[in-house]
Every structure is written in C-alpha cells, then in structure tokens.
N, C-alpha and C. Protein backbone atom coordinates (compact mmCIF):
# COMPACT_ATOMS: atom_id res chain seq x y z
N MET A 1 87.08 33.50 21.22
CA MET A 1 85.70 33.14 20.93
C MET A 1 84.75 33.76 21.96
N LYS A 2 85.18 33.75 23.22
CA LYS A 2 84.35 34.31 24.28
C LYS A 2 84.16 35.81 24.09
N LYS A 3 85.23 36.48 23.63
CA LYS A 3 85.16 37.92 23.40
C LYS A 3 84.18 38.25 22.26
N LEU A 4 84.21 37.44 21.21
CA LEU A 4 83.29 37.63 20.08
C LEU A 4 81.84 37.45 20.54
N HIS A 5 81.60 36.47 21.37
CA HIS A 5 80.26 36.23 21.90
C HIS A 5 79.78 37.42 22.74
N MET A 6 80.67 37.95 23.56
CA MET A 6 80.33 39.10 24.41
C MET A 6 80.01 40.33 23.57
N VAL A 7 80.83 40.60 22.55
CA VAL A 7 80.60 41.75 21.67
C VAL A 7 79.28 41.58 20.93
N SER A 8 79.00 40.37 20.46
CA SER A 8 77.74 40.11 19.76
C SER A 8 76.54 40.36 20.66
N CYS A 9 76.62 39.94 21.91
CA CYS A 9 75.52 40.16 22.86
C CYS A 9 75.30 41.65 23.13
N VAL A 10 76.39 42.38 23.29
CA VAL A 10 76.28 43.82 23.54
C VAL A 10 75.66 44.53 22.34
N MET A 11 76.09 44.14 21.14
CA MET A 11 75.53 44.77 19.93
C MET A 11 74.04 44.45 19.78
N LEU A 12 73.67 43.21 20.05
CA LEU A 12 72.27 42.82 19.95
C LEU A 12 71.42 43.61 20.95
N CYS A 13 71.88 43.73 22.18
CA CYS A 13 71.15 44.49 23.19
C CYS A 13 71.03 45.95 22.80
N SER A 14 72.10 46.51 22.22
CA SER A 14 72.07 47.91 21.78
C SER A 14 71.04 48.12 20.68
N MET A 15 71.00 47.18 19.72
CA MET A 15 70.03 47.31 18.63
C MET A 15 68.60 47.18 19.13
N LEU A 16 68.36 46.25 20.05
CA LEU A 16 67.01 46.08 20.59
C LEU A 16 66.58 47.31 21.37
N THR A 17 67.49 47.87 22.14
CA THR A 17 67.17 49.07 22.91
C THR A 17 66.87 50.23 21.98
N ALA A 18 67.65 50.40 20.93
CA ALA A 18 67.42 51.49 19.98
C ALA A 18 66.10 51.29 19.23
N ALA A 19 65.78 50.05 18.89
CA ALA A 19 64.55 49.77 18.15
C ALA A 19 63.31 50.02 19.01
N CYS A 20 63.44 49.88 20.31
CA CYS A 20 62.29 50.05 21.20
C CYS A 20 62.15 51.47 21.72
N SER A 21 63.11 52.33 21.41
CA SER A 21 63.01 53.70 21.90
C SER A 21 62.00 54.47 21.07
N GLY A 22 61.46 55.55 21.65
CA GLY A 22 60.45 56.34 20.97
C GLY A 22 60.98 57.07 19.76
N GLY A 23 62.18 57.57 19.82
CA GLY A 23 62.78 58.26 18.69
C GLY A 23 62.26 59.66 18.47
N GLY A 24 61.10 60.02 18.97
CA GLY A 24 60.57 61.37 18.86
C GLY A 24 59.76 61.62 17.60
N ALA A 25 60.04 60.99 16.50
CA ALA A 25 59.32 61.25 15.27
C ALA A 25 57.94 60.62 15.32
N GLY A 26 56.93 61.39 14.99
CA GLY A 26 55.59 60.86 14.92
C GLY A 26 54.90 60.64 16.26
N GLN A 27 55.50 61.11 17.32
CA GLN A 27 54.87 60.92 18.62
C GLN A 27 53.74 61.92 18.80
N VAL A 28 52.73 61.49 19.51
CA VAL A 28 51.57 62.34 19.77
C VAL A 28 51.55 62.64 21.26
N SER A 29 51.49 63.92 21.58
CA SER A 29 51.46 64.29 22.99
C SER A 29 50.04 64.17 23.52
N PRO A 30 49.88 64.00 24.82
CA PRO A 30 48.54 63.92 25.39
C PRO A 30 47.74 65.17 25.06
N GLY A 31 46.50 64.98 24.70
CA GLY A 31 45.64 66.12 24.38
C GLY A 31 45.73 66.56 22.94
N SER A 32 46.50 65.85 22.13
CA SER A 32 46.57 66.20 20.72
C SER A 32 46.38 64.96 19.88
N SER A 33 46.17 65.15 18.60
CA SER A 33 45.99 64.04 17.69
C SER A 33 47.18 64.00 16.75
N PRO A 34 47.33 62.92 15.95
CA PRO A 34 48.46 62.85 15.05
C PRO A 34 48.55 64.02 14.08
N GLY A 35 47.43 64.63 13.73
CA GLY A 35 47.44 65.78 12.83
C GLY A 35 47.82 67.07 13.51
N GLY A 36 48.04 67.04 14.82
CA GLY A 36 48.45 68.22 15.55
C GLY A 36 47.29 69.02 16.11
N LYS A 37 46.06 68.62 15.82
CA LYS A 37 44.90 69.34 16.34
C LYS A 37 44.65 68.93 17.78
N ALA A 38 44.11 69.82 18.54
CA ALA A 38 43.80 69.51 19.94
C ALA A 38 42.66 68.52 20.02
N ALA A 39 42.73 67.67 21.03
CA ALA A 39 41.63 66.73 21.25
C ALA A 39 40.35 67.51 21.48
N GLY A 40 39.25 67.01 20.99
CA GLY A 40 37.98 67.71 21.13
C GLY A 40 37.73 68.71 20.02
N SER A 41 38.57 68.69 18.99
CA SER A 41 38.43 69.64 17.89
C SER A 41 37.39 69.21 16.87
N GLY A 42 36.71 68.10 17.12
CA GLY A 42 35.70 67.61 16.19
C GLY A 42 36.28 66.64 15.18
N GLU A 43 37.56 66.43 15.21
CA GLU A 43 38.21 65.49 14.30
C GLU A 43 37.84 64.06 14.68
N VAL A 44 37.55 63.23 13.70
CA VAL A 44 37.22 61.83 13.95
C VAL A 44 38.51 61.09 14.28
N VAL A 45 38.47 60.35 15.37
CA VAL A 45 39.64 59.60 15.82
C VAL A 45 39.29 58.12 15.82
N THR A 46 40.16 57.31 15.24
CA THR A 46 39.97 55.86 15.24
C THR A 46 41.00 55.25 16.17
N LEU A 47 40.53 54.51 17.15
CA LEU A 47 41.41 53.82 18.07
C LEU A 47 41.43 52.35 17.72
N LYS A 48 42.61 51.76 17.71
CA LYS A 48 42.73 50.33 17.43
C LYS A 48 43.29 49.67 18.68
N PHE A 49 42.76 48.51 18.98
CA PHE A 49 43.17 47.79 20.18
C PHE A 49 43.41 46.35 19.81
N MET A 50 44.50 45.80 20.32
CA MET A 50 44.81 44.40 20.06
C MET A 50 45.27 43.76 21.35
N GLY A 51 44.90 42.54 21.56
CA GLY A 51 45.33 41.86 22.76
C GLY A 51 45.18 40.36 22.62
N TRP A 52 45.69 39.68 23.60
CA TRP A 52 45.58 38.23 23.66
C TRP A 52 44.83 37.87 24.92
N GLU A 53 43.94 36.93 24.79
CA GLU A 53 43.15 36.52 25.94
C GLU A 53 43.97 35.51 26.76
N ALA A 54 44.46 35.99 27.89
CA ALA A 54 45.20 35.10 28.79
C ALA A 54 44.24 34.36 29.70
N SER A 55 43.13 35.03 30.03
CA SER A 55 42.12 34.40 30.87
C SER A 55 40.80 35.12 30.66
N PRO A 56 39.68 34.45 30.93
CA PRO A 56 38.38 35.11 30.82
C PRO A 56 38.27 36.33 31.74
N LEU A 57 38.91 36.29 32.89
CA LEU A 57 38.89 37.42 33.82
C LEU A 57 39.60 38.63 33.22
N GLU A 58 40.72 38.39 32.54
CA GLU A 58 41.43 39.49 31.89
C GLU A 58 40.57 40.10 30.78
N THR A 59 39.94 39.25 29.97
CA THR A 59 39.08 39.73 28.90
C THR A 59 37.94 40.57 29.45
N GLN A 60 37.32 40.13 30.53
CA GLN A 60 36.23 40.87 31.17
C GLN A 60 36.73 42.23 31.66
N SER A 61 37.91 42.26 32.25
CA SER A 61 38.48 43.51 32.76
C SER A 61 38.76 44.49 31.62
N VAL A 62 39.31 43.99 30.52
CA VAL A 62 39.60 44.84 29.37
C VAL A 62 38.31 45.39 28.78
N LYS A 63 37.28 44.55 28.67
CA LYS A 63 35.99 45.01 28.13
C LYS A 63 35.38 46.09 29.02
N LYS A 64 35.50 45.94 30.33
CA LYS A 64 34.98 46.97 31.24
C LYS A 64 35.73 48.28 31.05
N GLY A 65 37.04 48.19 30.88
CA GLY A 65 37.84 49.39 30.65
C GLY A 65 37.47 50.08 29.35
N LEU A 66 37.24 49.29 28.29
CA LEU A 66 36.83 49.86 27.01
C LEU A 66 35.45 50.49 27.10
N ASP A 67 34.52 49.83 27.80
CA ASP A 67 33.18 50.39 27.98
C ASP A 67 33.25 51.72 28.74
N LEU A 68 34.07 51.78 29.77
CA LEU A 68 34.23 53.01 30.54
C LEU A 68 34.80 54.12 29.66
N PHE A 69 35.80 53.79 28.85
CA PHE A 69 36.38 54.79 27.94
C PHE A 69 35.32 55.31 26.98
N MET A 70 34.53 54.41 26.41
CA MET A 70 33.50 54.82 25.46
C MET A 70 32.43 55.69 26.12
N GLN A 71 32.12 55.43 27.40
CA GLN A 71 31.16 56.27 28.10
C GLN A 71 31.74 57.67 28.33
N GLN A 72 33.02 57.74 28.65
CA GLN A 72 33.67 59.03 28.92
C GLN A 72 33.98 59.79 27.64
N HIS A 73 34.09 59.08 26.52
CA HIS A 73 34.44 59.70 25.25
C HIS A 73 33.48 59.22 24.15
N PRO A 74 32.21 59.59 24.22
CA PRO A 74 31.24 59.08 23.25
C PRO A 74 31.51 59.56 21.82
N GLU A 75 32.26 60.62 21.66
CA GLU A 75 32.54 61.15 20.32
C GLU A 75 33.57 60.32 19.58
N HIS A 76 34.24 59.41 20.25
CA HIS A 76 35.31 58.61 19.60
C HIS A 76 34.79 57.28 19.17
C-alpha cells in the first residue's frame, strides 16, 4: 500500500510539472507579438491583467506599475 501511495505521488508531481511547463508552442519572445510582428509595428495589442487584492497597499502598488507602463507605452 505504501508503494502504491509513493508511485501515485510521483505521478501526480510529474503531471503537475508537465502541465506548468512552457512547452514552447505559442510562446511569444520579448519584442514580438503573438502574430510574429515586431513590437512597435503599429499592431494593436490588448493586455489583460488579473489579480486579487491582498491589501490596499498591494493594489496601490499594482496601479502605480500599470500607470507607469501606460506612460511608457501610450500606444498600447
């Protein structure tokens, strides 16, 4: 029974590790977009952001980061 439990744990860890790996397909390299065009090519890019508010301080920090990004990248 102990051996079965150990094998089950190893298999579960292997599946979780494989599921979390990048896999290579559909990855976007820095400076490019999913369509393969270089950043700054005039293509419209939509960024989606999701998060959980753990504290008001964290929310304020995230908003500052987003504002800074928007200032540096007004075309997005």
